[in-house]
Amino acid sequence: MISKLGKLLGFGKGDSSAVDPVCEMTVDTADSPGCSSKHKGITYYFCAPGCKHAFDEEPDRYLQGIP
């Protein structure tokens, strides 16, 4: 398992990572277990299907304060 610092330094399965907007976990975009959703042309990645479902129901709730 890769540490959070390792992910920040770019070590992991994929070429990049993203932060799940619901739970704020770091997700490997190449192997996202929770899949992804598009909102206003931007792709968001999730750690689990439950986070994706919550985001899909109320995306603006989770994106408040994010430019």
PDB file of N, CA and C in Angstrom:
ATOM      1  N   MET A   1       0.844  -1.176   0.000  1.00  0.00           N
ATOM      2  CA  MET A   1       0.000   0.000   0.000  1.00  0.00           C
ATOM      3  C   MET A   1       0.889   1.239   0.000  1.00  0.00           C
ATOM      4  N   ILE A   2       0.556   2.190  -0.841  1.00  0.00           N
ATOM      5  CA  ILE A   2       1.333   3.418  -0.964  1.00  0.00           C
ATOM      6  C   ILE A   2       0.877   4.421   0.104  1.00  0.00           C
ATOM      7  N   SER A   3       1.839   5.053   0.774  1.00  0.00           N
ATOM      8  CA  SER A   3       1.502   6.049   1.786  1.00  0.00           C
ATOM      9  C   SER A   3       0.962   7.311   1.130  1.00  0.00           C
ATOM     10  N   LYS A   4       0.332   8.159   1.934  1.00  0.00           N
ATOM     11  CA  LYS A   4      -0.181   9.428   1.416  1.00  0.00           C
ATOM     12  C   LYS A   4       0.954  10.261   0.835  1.00  0.00           C
ATOM     13  N   LEU A   5       2.106  10.285   1.510  1.00  0.00           N
ATOM     14  CA  LEU A   5       3.257  11.021   1.001  1.00  0.00           C
ATOM     15  C   LEU A   5       3.702  10.436  -0.330  1.00  0.00           C
ATOM     16  N   GLY A   6       3.715   9.116  -0.440  1.00  0.00           N
ATOM     17  CA  GLY A   6       4.085   8.472  -1.698  1.00  0.00           C
ATOM     18  C   GLY A   6       3.165   8.885  -2.831  1.00  0.00           C
ATOM     19  N   LYS A   7       1.879   8.977  -2.552  1.00  0.00           N
ATOM     20  CA  LYS A   7       0.928   9.410  -3.576  1.00  0.00           C
ATOM     21  C   LYS A   7       1.180  10.854  -3.974  1.00  0.00           C
ATOM     22  N   LEU A   8       1.495  11.681  -2.993  1.00  0.00           N
ATOM     23  CA  LEU A   8       1.769  13.085  -3.299  1.00  0.00           C
ATOM     24  C   LEU A   8       3.021  13.218  -4.163  1.00  0.00           C
ATOM     25  N   LEU A   9       3.961  12.287  -3.993  1.00  0.00           N
ATOM     26  CA  LEU A   9       5.191  12.317  -4.776  1.00  0.00           C
ATOM     27  C   LEU A   9       5.051  11.619  -6.126  1.00  0.00           C
ATOM     28  N   GLY A  10       3.872  11.033  -6.380  1.00  0.00           N
ATOM     29  CA  GLY A  10       3.619  10.419  -7.681  1.00  0.00           C
ATOM     30  C   GLY A  10       3.844   8.931  -7.753  1.00  0.00           C
ATOM     31  N   PHE A  11       4.055   8.268  -6.607  1.00  0.00           N
ATOM     32  CA  PHE A  11       4.220   6.814  -6.616  1.00  0.00           C
ATOM     33  C   PHE A  11       2.843   6.178  -6.533  1.00  0.00           C
ATOM     34  N   GLY A  12       2.593   5.181  -7.348  1.00  0.00           N
ATOM     35  CA  GLY A  12       1.300   4.501  -7.334  1.00  0.00           C
ATOM     36  C   GLY A  12       1.057   3.825  -8.666  1.00  0.00           C
ATOM     37  N   LYS A  13      -0.131   3.265  -8.820  1.00  0.00           N
ATOM     38  CA  LYS A  13      -0.461   2.510 -10.023  1.00  0.00           C
ATOM     39  C   LYS A  13      -0.642   3.413 -11.240  1.00  0.00           C
ATOM     40  N   GLY A  14      -1.246   4.569 -11.039  1.00  0.00           N
ATOM     41  CA  GLY A  14      -1.570   5.427 -12.167  1.00  0.00           C
ATOM     42  C   GLY A  14      -0.611   6.580 -12.322  1.00  0.00           C
ATOM     43  N   ASP A  15      -0.843   7.360 -13.358  1.00  0.00           N
ATOM     44  CA  ASP A  15      -0.006   8.521 -13.622  1.00  0.00           C
ATOM     45  C   ASP A  15      -0.380   9.714 -12.760  1.00  0.00           C
ATOM     46  N   SER A  16      -1.593   9.723 -12.228  1.00  0.00           N
ATOM     47  CA  SER A  16      -2.007  10.872 -11.425  1.00  0.00           C
ATOM     48  C   SER A  16      -3.007  10.449 -10.369  1.00  0.00           C
ATOM     49  N   SER A  17      -3.278  11.363  -9.486  1.00  0.00           N
ATOM     50  CA  SER A  17      -4.258  11.101  -8.441  1.00  0.00           C
ATOM     51  C   SER A  17      -5.197  12.291  -8.339  1.00  0.00           C
ATOM     52  N   ALA A  18      -6.295  12.064  -7.646  1.00  0.00           N
ATOM     53  CA  ALA A  18      -7.288  13.104  -7.435  1.00  0.00           C
ATOM     54  C   ALA A  18      -7.822  12.951  -6.022  1.00  0.00           C
ATOM     55  N   VAL A  19      -8.518  13.967  -5.556  1.00  0.00           N
ATOM     56  CA  VAL A  19      -9.122  13.920  -4.234  1.00  0.00           C
ATOM     57  C   VAL A  19     -10.628  13.720  -4.403  1.00  0.00           C
ATOM     58  N   ASP A  20     -11.156  12.710  -3.733  1.00  0.00           N
ATOM     59  CA  ASP A  20     -12.592  12.447  -3.728  1.00  0.00           C
ATOM     60  C   ASP A  20     -13.269  13.663  -3.098  1.00  0.00           C
ATOM     61  N   PRO A  21     -14.181  14.352  -3.817  1.00  0.00           N
ATOM     62  CA  PRO A  21     -14.795  15.557  -3.277  1.00  0.00           C
ATOM     63  C   PRO A  21     -15.751  15.301  -2.116  1.00  0.00           C
ATOM     64  N   VAL A  22     -16.151  14.054  -1.904  1.00  0.00           N
ATOM     65  CA  VAL A  22     -17.081  13.743  -0.821  1.00  0.00           C
ATOM     66  C   VAL A  22     -16.337  13.484   0.489  1.00  0.00           C
ATOM     67  N   CYS A  23     -15.368  12.568   0.470  1.00  0.00           N
ATOM     68  CA  CYS A  23     -14.673  12.190   1.710  1.00  0.00           C
ATOM     69  C   CYS A  23     -13.243  12.713   1.781  1.00  0.00           C
ATOM     70  N   GLU A  24     -12.768  13.319   0.699  1.00  0.00           N
ATOM     71  CA  GLU A  24     -11.441  13.924   0.607  1.00  0.00           C
ATOM     72  C   GLU A  24     -10.287  12.918   0.654  1.00  0.00           C
ATOM     73  N   MET A  25     -10.563  11.668   0.310  1.00  0.00           N
ATOM     74  CA  MET A  25      -9.489  10.677   0.211  1.00  0.00           C
ATOM     75  C   MET A  25      -8.776  10.842  -1.122  1.00  0.00           C
ATOM     76  N   THR A  26      -7.504  10.483  -1.166  1.00  0.00           N
ATOM     77  CA  THR A  26      -6.753  10.494  -2.411  1.00  0.00           C
ATOM     78  C   THR A  26      -7.098   9.234  -3.190  1.00  0.00           C
ATOM     79  N   VAL A  27      -7.384   9.424  -4.489  1.00  0.00           N
ATOM     80  CA  VAL A  27      -7.806   8.319  -5.351  1.00  0.00           C
ATOM     81  C   VAL A  27      -6.883   8.251  -6.561  1.00  0.00           C
ATOM     82  N   ASP A  28      -6.468   7.043  -6.910  1.00  0.00           N
ATOM     83  CA  ASP A  28      -5.673   6.817  -8.119  1.00  0.00           C
ATOM     84  C   ASP A  28      -6.633   6.878  -9.302  1.00  0.00           C
ATOM     85  N   THR A  29      -6.476   7.859 -10.172  1.00  0.00           N
ATOM     86  CA  THR A  29      -7.413   8.056 -11.272  1.00  0.00           C
ATOM     87  C   THR A  29      -7.372   6.920 -12.294  1.00  0.00           C
ATOM     88  N   ALA A  30      -6.295   6.170 -12.356  1.00  0.00           N
ATOM     89  CA  ALA A  30      -6.199   5.054 -13.290  1.00  0.00           C
ATOM     90  C   ALA A  30      -6.908   3.809 -12.766  1.00  0.00           C
ATOM     91  N   ASP A  31      -7.167   3.754 -11.469  1.00  0.00           N
ATOM     92  CA  ASP A  31      -7.783   2.579 -10.860  1.00  0.00           C
ATOM     93  C   ASP A  31      -8.723   3.019  -9.746  1.00  0.00           C
ATOM     94  N   SER A  32      -9.694   3.843 -10.086  1.00  0.00           N
ATOM     95  CA  SER A  32     -10.618   4.406  -9.108  1.00  0.00           C
ATOM     96  C   SER A  32     -11.723   3.410  -8.780  1.00  0.00           C
ATOM     97  N   PRO A  33     -11.726   2.856  -7.551  1.00  0.00           N
ATOM     98  CA  PRO A  33     -12.726   1.837  -7.213  1.00  0.00           C
ATOM     99  C   PRO A  33     -14.154   2.368  -7.207  1.00  0.00           C
ATOM    100  N   GLY A  34     -14.324   3.653  -6.993  1.00  0.00           N
ATOM    101  CA  GLY A  34     -15.660   4.234  -6.956  1.00  0.00           C
ATOM    102  C   GLY A  34     -16.085   4.838  -8.274  1.00  0.00           C
ATOM    103  N   CYS A  35     -15.264   4.663  -9.300  1.00  0.00           N
ATOM    104  CA  CYS A  35     -15.541   5.191 -10.635  1.00  0.00           C
ATOM    105  C   CYS A  35     -15.407   6.717 -10.672  1.00  0.00           C
ATOM    106  N   SER A  36     -16.087   7.328 -11.617  1.00  0.00           N
ATOM    107  CA  SER A  36     -15.990   8.780 -11.765  1.00  0.00           C
ATOM    108  C   SER A  36     -17.315   9.339 -12.256  1.00  0.00           C
ATOM    109  N   SER A  37     -17.455  10.653 -12.132  1.00  0.00           N
ATOM    110  CA  SER A  37     -18.624  11.374 -12.630  1.00  0.00           C
ATOM    111  C   SER A  37     -18.151  12.670 -13.241  1.00  0.00           C
ATOM    112  N   LYS A  38     -18.889  13.132 -14.239  1.00  0.00           N
ATOM    113  CA  LYS A  38     -18.607  14.446 -14.818  1.00  0.00           C
ATOM    114  C   LYS A  38     -19.659  15.427 -14.325  1.00  0.00           C
ATOM    115  N   HIS A  39     -19.190  16.631 -13.997  1.00  0.00           N
ATOM    116  CA  HIS A  39     -20.087  17.703 -13.569  1.00  0.00           C
ATOM    117  C   HIS A  39     -19.543  18.996 -14.149  1.00  0.00           C
ATOM    118  N   LYS A  40     -20.354  19.652 -14.951  1.00  0.00           N
ATOM    119  CA  LYS A  40     -19.967  20.909 -15.609  1.00  0.00           C
ATOM    120  C   LYS A  40     -18.644  20.762 -16.357  1.00  0.00           C
ATOM    121  N   GLY A  41     -18.482  19.612 -17.030  1.00  0.00           N
ATOM    122  CA  GLY A  41     -17.304  19.381 -17.865  1.00  0.00           C
ATOM    123  C   GLY A  41     -16.059  18.926 -17.138  1.00  0.00           C
ATOM    124  N   ILE A  42     -16.124  18.755 -15.838  1.00  0.00           N
ATOM    125  CA  ILE A  42     -14.968  18.320 -15.050  1.00  0.00           C
ATOM    126  C   ILE A  42     -15.232  16.911 -14.536  1.00  0.00           C
ATOM    127  N   THR A  43     -14.219  16.043 -14.630  1.00  0.00           N
ATOM    128  CA  THR A  43     -14.345  14.675 -14.135  1.00  0.00           C
ATOM    129  C   THR A  43     -13.874  14.606 -12.690  1.00  0.00           C
ATOM    130  N   TYR A  44     -14.694  14.012 -11.842  1.00  0.00           N
ATOM    131  CA  TYR A  44     -14.375  13.810 -10.433  1.00  0.00           C
ATOM    132  C   TYR A  44     -14.279  12.309 -10.178  1.00  0.00           C
ATOM    133  N   TYR A  45     -13.333  11.906  -9.327  1.00  0.00           N
ATOM    134  CA  TYR A  45     -13.073  10.498  -9.034  1.00  0.00           C
ATOM    135  C   TYR A  45     -13.426  10.206  -7.584  1.00  0.00           C
ATOM    136  N   PHE A  46     -13.829   8.958  -7.327  1.00  0.00           N
ATOM    137  CA  PHE A  46     -14.333   8.590  -6.007  1.00  0.00           C
ATOM    138  C   PHE A  46     -13.678   7.328  -5.479  1.00  0.00           C
ATOM    139  N   CYS A  47     -13.592   7.248  -4.149  1.00  0.00           N
ATOM    140  CA  CYS A  47     -12.967   6.102  -3.493  1.00  0.00           C
ATOM    141  C   CYS A  47     -13.904   4.910  -3.441  1.00  0.00           C
ATOM    142  N   ALA A  48     -15.201   5.153  -3.515  1.00  0.00           N
ATOM    143  CA  ALA A  48     -16.182   4.073  -3.399  1.00  0.00           C
ATOM    144  C   ALA A  48     -17.483   4.486  -4.085  1.00  0.00           C
ATOM    145  N   PRO A  49     -18.292   3.505  -4.475  1.00  0.00           N
ATOM    146  CA  PRO A  49     -19.561   3.821  -5.127  1.00  0.00           C
ATOM    147  C   PRO A  49     -20.485   4.693  -4.276  1.00  0.00           C
ATOM    148  N   GLY A  50     -20.429   4.561  -2.967  1.00  0.00           N
ATOM    149  CA  GLY A  50     -21.274   5.384  -2.099  1.00  0.00           C
ATOM    150  C   GLY A  50     -20.952   6.867  -2.209  1.00  0.00           C
ATOM    151  N   CYS A  51     -19.662   7.195  -2.318  1.00  0.00           N
ATOM    152  CA  CYS A  51     -19.264   8.598  -2.481  1.00  0.00           C
ATOM    153  C   CYS A  51     -19.729   9.120  -3.839  1.00  0.00           C
ATOM    154  N   LYS A  52     -19.621   8.289  -4.874  1.00  0.00           N
ATOM    155  CA  LYS A  52     -20.080   8.690  -6.207  1.00  0.00           C
ATOM    156  C   LYS A  52     -21.581   8.962  -6.188  1.00  0.00           C
ATOM    157  N   HIS A  53     -22.341   8.087  -5.554  1.00  0.00           N
ATOM    158  CA  HIS A  53     -23.792   8.257  -5.481  1.00  0.00           C
ATOM    159  C   HIS A  53     -24.153   9.552  -4.747  1.00  0.00           C
ATOM    160  N   ALA A  54     -23.503   9.808  -3.613  1.00  0.00           N
ATOM    161  CA  ALA A  54     -23.768  11.032  -2.856  1.00  0.00           C
ATOM    162  C   ALA A  54     -23.460  12.263  -3.701  1.00  0.00           C
ATOM    163  N   PHE A  55     -22.346  12.247  -4.414  1.00  0.00           N
ATOM    164  CA  PHE A  55     -21.964  13.365  -5.275  1.00  0.00           C
ATOM    165  C   PHE A  55     -22.972  13.555  -6.400  1.00  0.00           C
ATOM    166  N   ASP A  56     -23.377  12.462  -7.042  1.00  0.00           N
ATOM    167  CA  ASP A  56     -24.319  12.548  -8.158  1.00  0.00           C
ATOM    168  C   ASP A  56     -25.660  13.136  -7.727  1.00  0.00           C
ATOM    169  N   GLU A  57     -26.053  12.899  -6.484  1.00  0.00           N
ATOM    170  CA  GLU A  57     -27.317  13.438  -5.964  1.00  0.00           C
ATOM    171  C   GLU A  57     -27.240  14.942  -5.695  1.00  0.00           C
ATOM    172  N   GLU A  58     -26.098  15.425  -5.179  1.00  0.00           N
ATOM    173  CA  GLU A  58     -25.940  16.831  -4.798  1.00  0.00           C
ATOM    174  C   GLU A  58     -24.517  17.330  -5.064  1.00  0.00           C
ATOM    175  N   PRO A  59     -24.093  17.420  -6.320  1.00  0.00           N
ATOM    176  CA  PRO A  59     -22.698  17.799  -6.593  1.00  0.00           C
ATOM    177  C   PRO A  59     -22.313  19.170  -6.046  1.00  0.00           C
ATOM    178  N   ASP A  60     -23.189  20.135  -6.132  1.00  0.00           N
ATOM    179  CA  ASP A  60     -22.836  21.482  -5.669  1.00  0.00           C
ATOM    180  C   ASP A  60     -22.610  21.538  -4.165  1.00  0.00           C
ATOM    181  N   ARG A  61     -23.249  20.654  -3.430  1.00  0.00           N
ATOM    182  CA  ARG A  61     -23.033  20.587  -1.973  1.00  0.00           C
ATOM    183  C   ARG A  61     -21.570  20.263  -1.665  1.00  0.00           C
ATOM    184  N   TYR A  62     -20.983  19.361  -2.443  1.00  0.00           N
ATOM    185  CA  TYR A  62     -19.611  18.930  -2.194  1.00  0.00           C
ATOM    186  C   TYR A  62     -18.562  19.819  -2.847  1.00  0.00           C
ATOM    187  N   LEU A  63     -18.998  20.661  -3.742  1.00  0.00           N
ATOM    188  CA  LEU A  63     -18.049  21.542  -4.440  1.00  0.00           C
ATOM    189  C   LEU A  63     -18.059  22.970  -3.928  1.00  0.00           C
ATOM    190  N   GLN A  64     -18.791  23.254  -2.893  1.00  0.00           N
ATOM    191  CA  GLN A  64     -18.809  24.597  -2.324  1.00  0.00           C
ATOM    192  C   GLN A  64     -17.405  25.007  -1.907  1.00  0.00           C
ATOM    193  N   GLY A  65     -16.992  26.182  -2.328  1.00  0.00           N
ATOM    194  CA  GLY A  65     -15.683  26.699  -1.957  1.00  0.00           C
ATOM    195  C   GLY A  65     -14.552  26.223  -2.831  1.00  0.00           C
ATOM    196  N   ILE A  66     -14.848  25.341  -3.816  1.00  0.00           N
ATOM    197  CA  ILE A  66     -13.821  24.862  -4.739  1.00  0.00           C
ATOM    198  C   ILE A  66     -13.977  25.614  -6.044  1.00  0.00           C
ATOM    199  N   PRO A  67     -12.925  26.298  -6.494  1.00  0.00           N
ATOM    200  CA  PRO A  67     -13.050  27.089  -7.748  1.00  0.00           C
ATOM    201  C   PRO A  67     -13.289  26.212  -8.960  1.00  0.00           C
TER     202      PRO A  67
END
